Amino acid sequence: MLLTCTVSSFASLLEPRGRAGPKLGLSDVPAYIKNELGLHGMSLSTDLLSGASRKVLENLRDRADKAGCACLLLVEPAPQAMADGARSEAAIDRTGRVVQAAHVLGCNSAAISIEAADTEEAFDDTVDAMRRVMEKAEQLDINLLINPRDGLTSEPDRVTDLIKKIGGFRVGTLPDFDAAAASGDPEQYLRRLTPYASAVLATLHEFAEAEPSEPDPDAPGSLEDLAEMLMSTEAPVHTTFDIVPMLRAVSSVGFEGTLSIDYRGEGDGTLGVLHGRDALEAGLEALAE
């Protein structure tokens, strides 16, 4: 399982700051993620690429390759109305453009969410529209992932039925921790969707510093062991919801794809990502033990 970073987590660093411009240029993002955050890949949102030319995308891909921090996933945040008559043509065209941009960036996956009511008519119309998009995705060797949302894709079984009906090896899911937490049964939710995923969004919010554990003065051990215990720090604790059941679910189905840290909390996004990284690594280590 590869821990990566969703660039939107620290999007404020990319915003213009008066005459000085942004603190961080888009082409500098891969090196920033690798060197400052200690992560080895990134997920991009299309709204961060507004107005970017093909040359800009190619330059970003080259810089990412050079930094050893490839762009693995491109996400379209605006829901696509695949089953809404005339709007479906615009949705098909937009999704095709997202797939093409993902290909230029060197991603292996692109992701959308679907705006549709949970009806049989909408289900069938979405299948027809998605099959048209999948032709392009398959030609470019891009996985097209569905990020569940309210409506047609709110229930895991409905999503998996949709994927099976669309068919092919390149359509899958993009589960996220927020939706899992809202489902009421995070483990079952992720166990149903993760087998169809090449990426999972580890959406995270608020953290609290863990209290350092007190050493047992009567426990055997050398002075070096005691010093190491005193100097060690516990990983931050995610307080919005418990991430351990989610990690357990993802691990239990043999997921070996990308777990992308998507920090959505208040304050410093860089610090939020670092806390998320430490919390996820600690959770995975605990499960391994």
C-alpha atoms as a PDB file:
ATOM      1  CA  MET A   1       0.000   0.000   0.000  1.00  0.00           C
ATOM      2  CA  LEU A   2       1.512   3.312  -1.122  1.00  0.00           C
ATOM      3  CA  LEU A   3       0.910   6.457   0.949  1.00  0.00           C
ATOM      4  CA  THR A   4       0.549   9.505  -1.298  1.00  0.00           C
ATOM      5  CA  CYS A   5      -0.754  13.058  -0.990  1.00  0.00           C
ATOM      6  CA  THR A   6      -3.754  14.880  -2.423  1.00  0.00           C
ATOM      7  CA  VAL A   7      -2.434  18.282  -3.520  1.00  0.00           C
ATOM      8  CA  SER A   8      -5.677  20.023  -2.494  1.00  0.00           C
ATOM      9  CA  SER A   9      -4.602  19.415   1.119  1.00  0.00           C
ATOM     10  CA  PHE A  10      -2.201  22.358   0.868  1.00  0.00           C
ATOM     11  CA  ALA A  11      -3.830  24.242  -2.015  1.00  0.00           C
ATOM     12  CA  SER A  12      -3.410  27.551  -0.162  1.00  0.00           C
ATOM     13  CA  LEU A  13       0.318  27.401  -0.952  1.00  0.00           C
ATOM     14  CA  LEU A  14      -0.553  27.521  -4.663  1.00  0.00           C
ATOM     15  CA  GLU A  15      -2.746  30.615  -4.378  1.00  0.00           C
ATOM     16  CA  PRO A  16      -1.395  34.003  -5.552  1.00  0.00           C
ATOM     17  CA  ARG A  17      -0.092  36.201  -2.733  1.00  0.00           C
ATOM     18  CA  GLY A  18      -0.110  39.711  -4.102  1.00  0.00           C
ATOM     19  CA  ARG A  19       2.812  40.723  -6.269  1.00  0.00           C
ATOM     20  CA  ALA A  20       4.970  37.980  -4.811  1.00  0.00           C
ATOM     21  CA  GLY A  21       2.853  35.290  -6.483  1.00  0.00           C
ATOM     22  CA  PRO A  22       2.143  31.880  -4.944  1.00  0.00           C
ATOM     23  CA  LYS A  23       4.445  30.448  -2.303  1.00  0.00           C
ATOM     24  CA  LEU A  24       4.688  27.200  -4.262  1.00  0.00           C
ATOM     25  CA  GLY A  25       4.588  26.748  -8.031  1.00  0.00           C
ATOM     26  CA  LEU A  26       2.637  23.840  -9.476  1.00  0.00           C
ATOM     27  CA  SER A  27       5.763  22.355 -11.043  1.00  0.00           C
ATOM     28  CA  ASP A  28       7.471  22.418  -7.631  1.00  0.00           C
ATOM     29  CA  VAL A  29       4.722  20.355  -5.973  1.00  0.00           C
ATOM     30  CA  PRO A  30       6.205  16.874  -6.633  1.00  0.00           C
ATOM     31  CA  ALA A  31       9.544  17.741  -5.006  1.00  0.00           C
ATOM     32  CA  TYR A  32       7.686  19.390  -2.106  1.00  0.00           C
ATOM     33  CA  ILE A  33       5.631  16.255  -1.476  1.00  0.00           C
ATOM     34  CA  LYS A  34       8.684  13.998  -1.686  1.00  0.00           C
ATOM     35  CA  ASN A  35      11.170  16.103   0.272  1.00  0.00           C
ATOM     36  CA  GLU A  36       9.014  17.991   2.769  1.00  0.00           C
ATOM     37  CA  LEU A  37       6.176  15.538   3.363  1.00  0.00           C
ATOM     38  CA  GLY A  38       8.040  12.263   2.902  1.00  0.00           C
ATOM     39  CA  LEU A  39       5.440  10.822   0.535  1.00  0.00           C
ATOM     40  CA  HIS A  40       5.958   9.144  -2.806  1.00  0.00           C
ATOM     41  CA  GLY A  41       3.154  10.113  -5.140  1.00  0.00           C
ATOM     42  CA  MET A  42       0.351  12.604  -5.592  1.00  0.00           C
ATOM     43  CA  SER A  43      -3.293  12.992  -6.535  1.00  0.00           C
ATOM     44  CA  LEU A  44      -4.398  16.135  -8.361  1.00  0.00           C
ATOM     45  CA  SER A  45      -7.770  17.829  -8.619  1.00  0.00           C
ATOM     46  CA  THR A  46      -8.707  19.302 -11.991  1.00  0.00           C
ATOM     47  CA  ASP A  47      -9.596  22.687 -10.443  1.00  0.00           C
ATOM     48  CA  LEU A  48      -5.887  23.182  -9.707  1.00  0.00           C
ATOM     49  CA  LEU A  49      -5.170  22.822 -13.432  1.00  0.00           C
ATOM     50  CA  SER A  50      -7.655  25.415 -14.678  1.00  0.00           C
ATOM     51  CA  GLY A  51      -6.320  27.008 -17.857  1.00  0.00           C
ATOM     52  CA  ALA A  52      -3.242  24.767 -17.961  1.00  0.00           C
ATOM     53  CA  SER A  53      -1.997  23.910 -21.447  1.00  0.00           C
ATOM     54  CA  ARG A  54      -0.769  20.506 -22.571  1.00  0.00           C
ATOM     55  CA  LYS A  55       2.782  21.852 -22.286  1.00  0.00           C
ATOM     56  CA  VAL A  56       2.173  22.736 -18.617  1.00  0.00           C
ATOM     57  CA  LEU A  57       0.855  19.234 -17.942  1.00  0.00           C
ATOM     58  CA  GLU A  58       3.818  17.644 -19.686  1.00  0.00           C
ATOM     59  CA  ASN A  59       6.225  19.800 -17.695  1.00  0.00           C
ATOM     60  CA  LEU A  60       4.505  18.784 -14.449  1.00  0.00           C
ATOM     61  CA  ARG A  61       4.753  15.119 -15.457  1.00  0.00           C
ATOM     62  CA  ASP A  62       8.464  15.489 -16.206  1.00  0.00           C
ATOM     63  CA  ARG A  63       9.125  17.277 -12.915  1.00  0.00           C
ATOM     64  CA  ALA A  64       7.195  14.586 -11.069  1.00  0.00           C
ATOM     65  CA  ASP A  65       9.238  11.833 -12.712  1.00  0.00           C
ATOM     66  CA  LYS A  66      12.459  13.643 -11.868  1.00  0.00           C
ATOM     67  CA  ALA A  67      11.424  14.066  -8.224  1.00  0.00           C
ATOM     68  CA  GLY A  68      10.354  10.434  -7.898  1.00  0.00           C
ATOM     69  CA  CYS A  69       6.818  11.558  -7.017  1.00  0.00           C
ATOM     70  CA  ALA A  70       4.533  10.640  -9.902  1.00  0.00           C
ATOM     71  CA  CYS A  71       1.007  11.912 -10.379  1.00  0.00           C
ATOM     72  CA  LEU A  72      -1.066   8.755  -9.977  1.00  0.00           C
ATOM     73  CA  LEU A  73      -4.645  10.056  -9.860  1.00  0.00           C
ATOM     74  CA  LEU A  74      -6.558  12.977 -11.407  1.00  0.00           C
ATOM     75  CA  VAL A  75      -9.903  13.780  -9.750  1.00  0.00           C
ATOM     76  CA  GLU A  76     -12.758  15.818 -11.233  1.00  0.00           C
ATOM     77  CA  PRO A  77     -14.533  17.373  -8.196  1.00  0.00           C
ATOM     78  CA  ALA A  78     -17.683  18.518 -10.037  1.00  0.00           C
ATOM     79  CA  PRO A  79     -20.314  15.734 -10.216  1.00  0.00           C
ATOM     80  CA  GLN A  80     -21.110  14.651 -13.776  1.00  0.00           C
ATOM     81  CA  ALA A  81     -24.747  14.378 -14.867  1.00  0.00           C
ATOM     82  CA  MET A  82     -24.376  11.186 -16.882  1.00  0.00           C
ATOM     83  CA  ALA A  83     -28.122  10.423 -16.849  1.00  0.00           C
ATOM     84  CA  ASP A  84     -29.630  13.870 -17.422  1.00  0.00           C
ATOM     85  CA  GLY A  85     -30.596  14.101 -21.079  1.00  0.00           C
ATOM     86  CA  ALA A  86     -28.774  16.930 -22.846  1.00  0.00           C
ATOM     87  CA  ARG A  87     -26.444  17.423 -19.868  1.00  0.00           C
ATOM     88  CA  SER A  88     -25.149  13.895 -20.288  1.00  0.00           C
ATOM     89  CA  GLU A  89     -23.382  14.839 -23.527  1.00  0.00           C
ATOM     90  CA  ALA A  90     -21.494  17.588 -21.703  1.00  0.00           C
ATOM     91  CA  ALA A  91     -20.672  15.132 -18.906  1.00  0.00           C
ATOM     92  CA  ILE A  92     -19.342  12.560 -21.374  1.00  0.00           C
ATOM     93  CA  ASP A  93     -17.226  15.209 -23.088  1.00  0.00           C
ATOM     94  CA  ARG A  94     -15.886  16.570 -19.779  1.00  0.00           C
ATOM     95  CA  THR A  95     -15.024  13.109 -18.480  1.00  0.00           C
ATOM     96  CA  GLY A  96     -13.231  12.332 -21.721  1.00  0.00           C
ATOM     97  CA  ARG A  97     -11.139  15.474 -21.273  1.00  0.00           C
ATOM     98  CA  VAL A  98     -10.289  14.454 -17.714  1.00  0.00           C
ATOM     99  CA  VAL A  99      -9.183  11.024 -18.936  1.00  0.00           C
ATOM    100  CA  GLN A 100      -7.038  12.656 -21.631  1.00  0.00           C
ATOM    101  CA  ALA A 101      -5.419  15.016 -19.086  1.00  0.00           C
ATOM    102  CA  ALA A 102      -4.721  12.074 -16.763  1.00  0.00           C
ATOM    103  CA  HIS A 103      -2.963  10.340 -19.640  1.00  0.00           C
ATOM    104  CA  VAL A 104      -0.785  13.395 -20.375  1.00  0.00           C
ATOM    105  CA  LEU A 105       0.124  13.675 -16.687  1.00  0.00           C
ATOM    106  CA  GLY A 106       1.211  10.029 -16.616  1.00  0.00           C
ATOM    107  CA  CYS A 107      -1.537   8.992 -14.161  1.00  0.00           C
ATOM    108  CA  ASN A 108      -2.842   5.463 -14.079  1.00  0.00           C
ATOM    109  CA  SER A 109      -6.304   6.578 -12.903  1.00  0.00           C
ATOM    110  CA  ALA A 110      -8.872   9.346 -13.251  1.00  0.00           C
ATOM    111  CA  ALA A 111     -11.934   9.730 -11.022  1.00  0.00           C
ATOM    112  CA  ILE A 112     -15.369  11.309 -11.232  1.00  0.00           C
ATOM    113  CA  SER A 113     -18.556  11.347  -9.176  1.00  0.00           C
ATOM    114  CA  ILE A 114     -21.960  10.871 -10.775  1.00  0.00           C
ATOM    115  CA  GLU A 115     -24.947  13.158 -10.303  1.00  0.00           C
ATOM    116  CA  ALA A 116     -28.049  11.007 -10.737  1.00  0.00           C
ATOM    117  CA  ALA A 117     -31.148   9.916  -8.858  1.00  0.00           C
ATOM    118  CA  ASP A 118     -31.326   6.347  -7.635  1.00  0.00           C
ATOM    119  CA  THR A 119     -33.794   5.062 -10.215  1.00  0.00           C
ATOM    120  CA  GLU A 120     -33.609   2.234 -12.723  1.00  0.00           C
ATOM    121  CA  GLU A 121     -33.895   4.679 -15.618  1.00  0.00           C
ATOM    122  CA  ALA A 122     -30.965   6.736 -14.307  1.00  0.00           C
ATOM    123  CA  PHE A 123     -29.005   3.533 -13.709  1.00  0.00           C
ATOM    124  CA  ASP A 124     -29.433   2.399 -17.325  1.00  0.00           C
ATOM    125  CA  ASP A 125     -28.693   5.862 -18.747  1.00  0.00           C
ATOM    126  CA  THR A 126     -25.533   6.103 -16.633  1.00  0.00           C
ATOM    127  CA  VAL A 127     -24.360   2.711 -17.850  1.00  0.00           C
ATOM    128  CA  ASP A 128     -24.805   3.781 -21.472  1.00  0.00           C
ATOM    129  CA  ALA A 129     -22.956   7.068 -20.926  1.00  0.00           C
ATOM    130  CA  MET A 130     -20.121   5.458 -18.980  1.00  0.00           C
ATOM    131  CA  ARG A 131     -19.603   2.800 -21.652  1.00  0.00           C
ATOM    132  CA  ARG A 132     -18.971   5.587 -24.160  1.00  0.00           C
ATOM    133  CA  VAL A 133     -16.392   7.183 -21.862  1.00  0.00           C
ATOM    134  CA  MET A 134     -14.750   3.855 -21.128  1.00  0.00           C
ATOM    135  CA  GLU A 135     -13.856   3.406 -24.793  1.00  0.00           C
ATOM    136  CA  LYS A 136     -11.437   6.323 -24.495  1.00  0.00           C
ATOM    137  CA  ALA A 137     -10.189   5.272 -21.055  1.00  0.00           C
ATOM    138  CA  GLU A 138      -9.359   1.796 -22.340  1.00  0.00           C
ATOM    139  CA  GLN A 139      -7.593   3.183 -25.413  1.00  0.00           C
ATOM    140  CA  LEU A 140      -5.355   5.306 -23.157  1.00  0.00           C
ATOM    141  CA  ASP A 141      -4.871   2.610 -20.464  1.00  0.00           C
ATOM    142  CA  ILE A 142      -6.487   4.807 -17.805  1.00  0.00           C
ATOM    143  CA  ASN A 143      -8.582   3.382 -14.965  1.00  0.00           C
ATOM    144  CA  LEU A 144     -11.792   5.405 -14.552  1.00  0.00           C
ATOM    145  CA  LEU A 145     -12.908   5.391 -10.918  1.00  0.00           C
ATOM    146  CA  ILE A 146     -16.304   6.305  -9.485  1.00  0.00           C
ATOM    147  CA  ASN A 147     -16.199   8.317  -6.262  1.00  0.00           C
ATOM    148  CA  PRO A 148     -19.551   7.571  -4.530  1.00  0.00           C
ATOM    149  CA  ARG A 149     -21.886  10.418  -3.557  1.00  0.00           C
ATOM    150  CA  ASP A 150     -25.569  10.930  -2.671  1.00  0.00           C
ATOM    151  CA  GLY A 151     -28.100   9.506  -5.096  1.00  0.00           C
ATOM    152  CA  LEU A 152     -27.404   6.639  -7.459  1.00  0.00           C
ATOM    153  CA  THR A 153     -24.000   5.780  -5.959  1.00  0.00           C
ATOM    154  CA  SER A 154     -24.733   6.287  -2.262  1.00  0.00           C
ATOM    155  CA  GLU A 155     -24.911   2.556  -1.435  1.00  0.00           C
ATOM    156  CA  PRO A 156     -21.933   0.223  -2.018  1.00  0.00           C
ATOM    157  CA  ASP A 157     -24.022  -2.523  -3.598  1.00  0.00           C
ATOM    158  CA  ARG A 158     -25.492  -0.043  -6.054  1.00  0.00           C
ATOM    159  CA  VAL A 159     -21.990   1.105  -7.049  1.00  0.00           C
ATOM    160  CA  THR A 160     -20.733  -2.430  -7.578  1.00  0.00           C
ATOM    161  CA  ASP A 161     -23.832  -3.303  -9.608  1.00  0.00           C
ATOM    162  CA  LEU A 162     -23.161  -0.250 -11.773  1.00  0.00           C
ATOM    163  CA  ILE A 163     -19.535  -1.236 -12.324  1.00  0.00           C
ATOM    164  CA  LYS A 164     -20.465  -4.801 -13.258  1.00  0.00           C
ATOM    165  CA  LYS A 165     -23.078  -3.559 -15.705  1.00  0.00           C
ATOM    166  CA  ILE A 166     -20.648  -1.109 -17.358  1.00  0.00           C
ATOM    167  CA  GLY A 167     -18.139  -3.937 -17.712  1.00  0.00           C
ATOM    168  CA  GLY A 168     -14.479  -3.995 -18.623  1.00  0.00           C
ATOM    169  CA  PHE A 169     -11.298  -4.034 -16.560  1.00  0.00           C
ATOM    170  CA  ARG A 170     -10.732  -0.276 -16.378  1.00  0.00           C
ATOM    171  CA  VAL A 171     -13.787   0.883 -14.427  1.00  0.00           C
ATOM    172  CA  GLY A 172     -13.554   0.884 -10.635  1.00  0.00           C
ATOM    173  CA  THR A 173     -14.222   2.760  -7.420  1.00  0.00           C
ATOM    174  CA  LEU A 174     -12.628   5.583  -5.455  1.00  0.00           C
ATOM    175  CA  PRO A 175     -13.834   5.055  -1.862  1.00  0.00           C
ATOM    176  CA  ASP A 176     -13.102   7.715   0.750  1.00  0.00           C
ATOM    177  CA  PHE A 177     -12.980   7.741   4.530  1.00  0.00           C
ATOM    178  CA  ASP A 178     -15.604  10.508   4.846  1.00  0.00           C
ATOM    179  CA  ALA A 179     -18.258   8.506   3.024  1.00  0.00           C
ATOM    180  CA  ALA A 180     -17.287   5.398   4.961  1.00  0.00           C
ATOM    181  CA  ALA A 181     -17.675   7.220   8.286  1.00  0.00           C
ATOM    182  CA  ALA A 182     -21.063   8.627   7.224  1.00  0.00           C
ATOM    183  CA  SER A 183     -22.323   5.160   6.240  1.00  0.00           C
ATOM    184  CA  GLY A 184     -22.578   4.038   9.872  1.00  0.00           C
ATOM    185  CA  ASP A 185     -20.547   0.887   9.217  1.00  0.00           C
ATOM    186  CA  PRO A 186     -17.152   2.048   7.890  1.00  0.00           C
ATOM    187  CA  GLU A 187     -15.566  -1.396   7.762  1.00  0.00           C
ATOM    188  CA  GLN A 188     -18.385  -3.015   5.800  1.00  0.00           C
ATOM    189  CA  TYR A 189     -18.587   0.000   3.463  1.00  0.00           C
ATOM    190  CA  LEU A 190     -14.906  -0.167   2.576  1.00  0.00           C
ATOM    191  CA  ARG A 191     -14.847  -3.958   2.336  1.00  0.00           C
ATOM    192  CA  ARG A 192     -17.533  -3.764  -0.351  1.00  0.00           C
ATOM    193  CA  LEU A 193     -15.897  -1.013  -2.434  1.00  0.00           C
ATOM    194  CA  THR A 194     -12.136  -1.405  -2.002  1.00  0.00           C
ATOM    195  CA  PRO A 195     -11.794  -4.628  -4.057  1.00  0.00           C
ATOM    196  CA  TYR A 196     -12.770  -2.519  -7.098  1.00  0.00           C
ATOM    197  CA  ALA A 197     -10.398   0.355  -6.228  1.00  0.00           C
ATOM    198  CA  SER A 198      -6.928   1.241  -7.452  1.00  0.00           C
ATOM    199  CA  ALA A 199      -6.915   4.199  -5.023  1.00  0.00           C
ATOM    200  CA  VAL A 200      -8.596   5.128  -1.732  1.00  0.00           C
ATOM    201  CA  LEU A 201      -8.914   8.688  -0.425  1.00  0.00           C
ATOM    202  CA  ALA A 202      -7.853   8.910   3.217  1.00  0.00           C
ATOM    203  CA  THR A 203      -9.949  12.008   3.899  1.00  0.00           C
ATOM    204  CA  LEU A 204      -8.866  13.416   7.263  1.00  0.00           C
ATOM    205  CA  HIS A 205      -9.878  16.403   9.380  1.00  0.00           C
ATOM    206  CA  GLU A 206      -8.816  17.154  12.947  1.00  0.00           C
ATOM    207  CA  PHE A 207      -5.998  15.737  15.057  1.00  0.00           C
ATOM    208  CA  ALA A 208      -4.957  15.841  18.694  1.00  0.00           C
ATOM    209  CA  GLU A 209      -1.460  15.310  19.968  1.00  0.00           C
ATOM    210  CA  ALA A 210      -1.208  11.951  21.710  1.00  0.00           C
ATOM    211  CA  GLU A 211      -0.123  11.930  25.314  1.00  0.00           C
ATOM    212  CA  PRO A 212       3.360  10.383  25.668  1.00  0.00           C
ATOM    213  CA  SER A 213       3.307   7.053  27.457  1.00  0.00           C
ATOM    214  CA  GLU A 214       4.865   6.989  30.921  1.00  0.00           C
ATOM    215  CA  PRO A 215       7.689   4.478  31.369  1.00  0.00           C
ATOM    216  CA  ASP A 216       7.267   1.797  34.013  1.00  0.00           C
ATOM    217  CA  PRO A 217      10.088   2.354  36.523  1.00  0.00           C
ATOM    218  CA  ASP A 218       9.914  -1.293  37.604  1.00  0.00           C
ATOM    219  CA  ALA A 219      10.198  -2.691  34.064  1.00  0.00           C
ATOM    220  CA  PRO A 220      13.540  -4.310  33.196  1.00  0.00           C
ATOM    221  CA  GLY A 221      15.724  -2.631  30.608  1.00  0.00           C
ATOM    222  CA  SER A 222      18.905  -0.698  30.095  1.00  0.00           C
ATOM    223  CA  LEU A 223      19.361   3.037  30.539  1.00  0.00           C
ATOM    224  CA  GLU A 224      19.474   3.273  26.734  1.00  0.00           C
ATOM    225  CA  ASP A 225      16.043   1.631  26.507  1.00  0.00           C
ATOM    226  CA  LEU A 226      14.660   4.064  29.061  1.00  0.00           C
ATOM    227  CA  ALA A 227      16.128   7.061  27.248  1.00  0.00           C
ATOM    228  CA  GLU A 228      14.659   5.899  23.945  1.00  0.00           C
ATOM    229  CA  MET A 229      11.234   5.530  25.542  1.00  0.00           C
ATOM    230  CA  LEU A 230      11.396   9.021  27.009  1.00  0.00           C
ATOM    231  CA  MET A 231      12.429  10.558  23.685  1.00  0.00           C
ATOM    232  CA  SER A 232       9.872   8.709  21.553  1.00  0.00           C
ATOM    233  CA  THR A 233       6.706  10.512  20.429  1.00  0.00           C
ATOM    234  CA  GLU A 234       3.291   9.014  19.855  1.00  0.00           C
ATOM    235  CA  ALA A 235       1.522   9.536  16.523  1.00  0.00           C
ATOM    236  CA  PRO A 236      -1.230  12.188  16.440  1.00  0.00           C
ATOM    237  CA  VAL A 237      -4.774  10.887  16.940  1.00  0.00           C
ATOM    238  CA  HIS A 238      -7.460  11.625  14.356  1.00  0.00           C
ATOM    239  CA  THR A 239     -10.405  12.889  16.413  1.00  0.00           C
ATOM    240  CA  THR A 240     -13.123  13.302  13.756  1.00  0.00           C
ATOM    241  CA  PHE A 241     -13.527   9.538  13.363  1.00  0.00           C
ATOM    242  CA  ASP A 242     -11.501   6.428  14.138  1.00  0.00           C
ATOM    243  CA  ILE A 243      -9.255   5.575  11.188  1.00  0.00           C
ATOM    244  CA  VAL A 244      -8.158   2.166  12.490  1.00  0.00           C
ATOM    245  CA  PRO A 245     -11.335   0.276  11.450  1.00  0.00           C
ATOM    246  CA  MET A 246     -11.003   1.814   8.000  1.00  0.00           C
ATOM    247  CA  LEU A 247      -7.390   0.755   7.666  1.00  0.00           C
ATOM    248  CA  ARG A 248      -8.347  -2.707   8.902  1.00  0.00           C
ATOM    249  CA  ALA A 249     -11.045  -2.969   6.231  1.00  0.00           C
ATOM    250  CA  VAL A 250      -8.757  -1.768   3.433  1.00  0.00           C
ATOM    251  CA  SER A 251      -5.995  -4.152   4.504  1.00  0.00           C
ATOM    252  CA  SER A 252      -8.342  -7.107   4.965  1.00  0.00           C
ATOM    253  CA  VAL A 253      -9.275  -7.217   1.270  1.00  0.00           C
ATOM    254  CA  GLY A 254      -5.635  -7.254   0.172  1.00  0.00           C
ATOM    255  CA  PHE A 255      -5.605  -3.705  -1.170  1.00  0.00           C
ATOM    256  CA  GLU A 256      -2.188  -2.834  -2.620  1.00  0.00           C
ATOM    257  CA  GLY A 257      -3.010   0.411  -4.397  1.00  0.00           C
ATOM    258  CA  THR A 258      -2.695   4.077  -3.455  1.00  0.00           C
ATOM    259  CA  LEU A 259      -3.878   5.469  -0.121  1.00  0.00           C
ATOM    260  CA  SER A 260      -3.983   9.214  -0.768  1.00  0.00           C
ATOM    261  CA  ILE A 261      -3.947  11.557   2.238  1.00  0.00           C
ATOM    262  CA  ASP A 262      -6.652  14.169   1.644  1.00  0.00           C
ATOM    263  CA  TYR A 263      -6.504  16.632   4.549  1.00  0.00           C
ATOM    264  CA  ARG A 264      -9.665  18.758   4.829  1.00  0.00           C
ATOM    265  CA  GLY A 265      -9.246  20.204   8.297  1.00  0.00           C
ATOM    266  CA  GLU A 266      -8.576  23.721   9.499  1.00  0.00           C
ATOM    267  CA  GLY A 267      -5.199  25.407   9.687  1.00  0.00           C
ATOM    268  CA  ASP A 268      -1.900  24.484   8.092  1.00  0.00           C
ATOM    269  CA  GLY A 269      -2.439  21.899   5.367  1.00  0.00           C
ATOM    270  CA  THR A 270       1.191  20.802   5.415  1.00  0.00           C
ATOM    271  CA  LEU A 271       0.980  20.043   9.130  1.00  0.00           C
ATOM    272  CA  GLY A 272      -2.330  18.257   8.552  1.00  0.00           C
ATOM    273  CA  VAL A 273      -0.740  16.004   5.936  1.00  0.00           C
ATOM    274  CA  LEU A 274       2.209  15.250   8.211  1.00  0.00           C
ATOM    275  CA  HIS A 275      -0.138  14.364  11.058  1.00  0.00           C
ATOM    276  CA  GLY A 276      -2.146  12.206   8.661  1.00  0.00           C
ATOM    277  CA  ARG A 277       0.960  10.427   7.451  1.00  0.00           C
ATOM    278  CA  ASP A 278       2.107   9.653  10.999  1.00  0.00           C
ATOM    279  CA  ALA A 279      -1.360   8.517  12.094  1.00  0.00           C
ATOM    280  CA  LEU A 280      -1.834   6.244   9.081  1.00  0.00           C
ATOM    281  CA  GLU A 281       1.622   4.720   9.402  1.00  0.00           C
ATOM    282  CA  ALA A 282       1.043   4.072  13.104  1.00  0.00           C
ATOM    283  CA  GLY A 283      -2.329   2.499  12.373  1.00  0.00           C
ATOM    284  CA  LEU A 284      -0.907   0.216   9.695  1.00  0.00           C
ATOM    285  CA  GLU A 285       1.967  -0.818  11.955  1.00  0.00           C
ATOM    286  CA  ALA A 286      -0.470  -1.642  14.768  1.00  0.00           C
ATOM    287  CA  LEU A 287      -2.561  -3.786  12.434  1.00  0.00           C
ATOM    288  CA  ALA A 288       0.542  -5.590  11.171  1.00  0.00           C
ATOM    289  CA  GLU A 289       1.438  -6.538  14.736  1.00  0.00           C
END
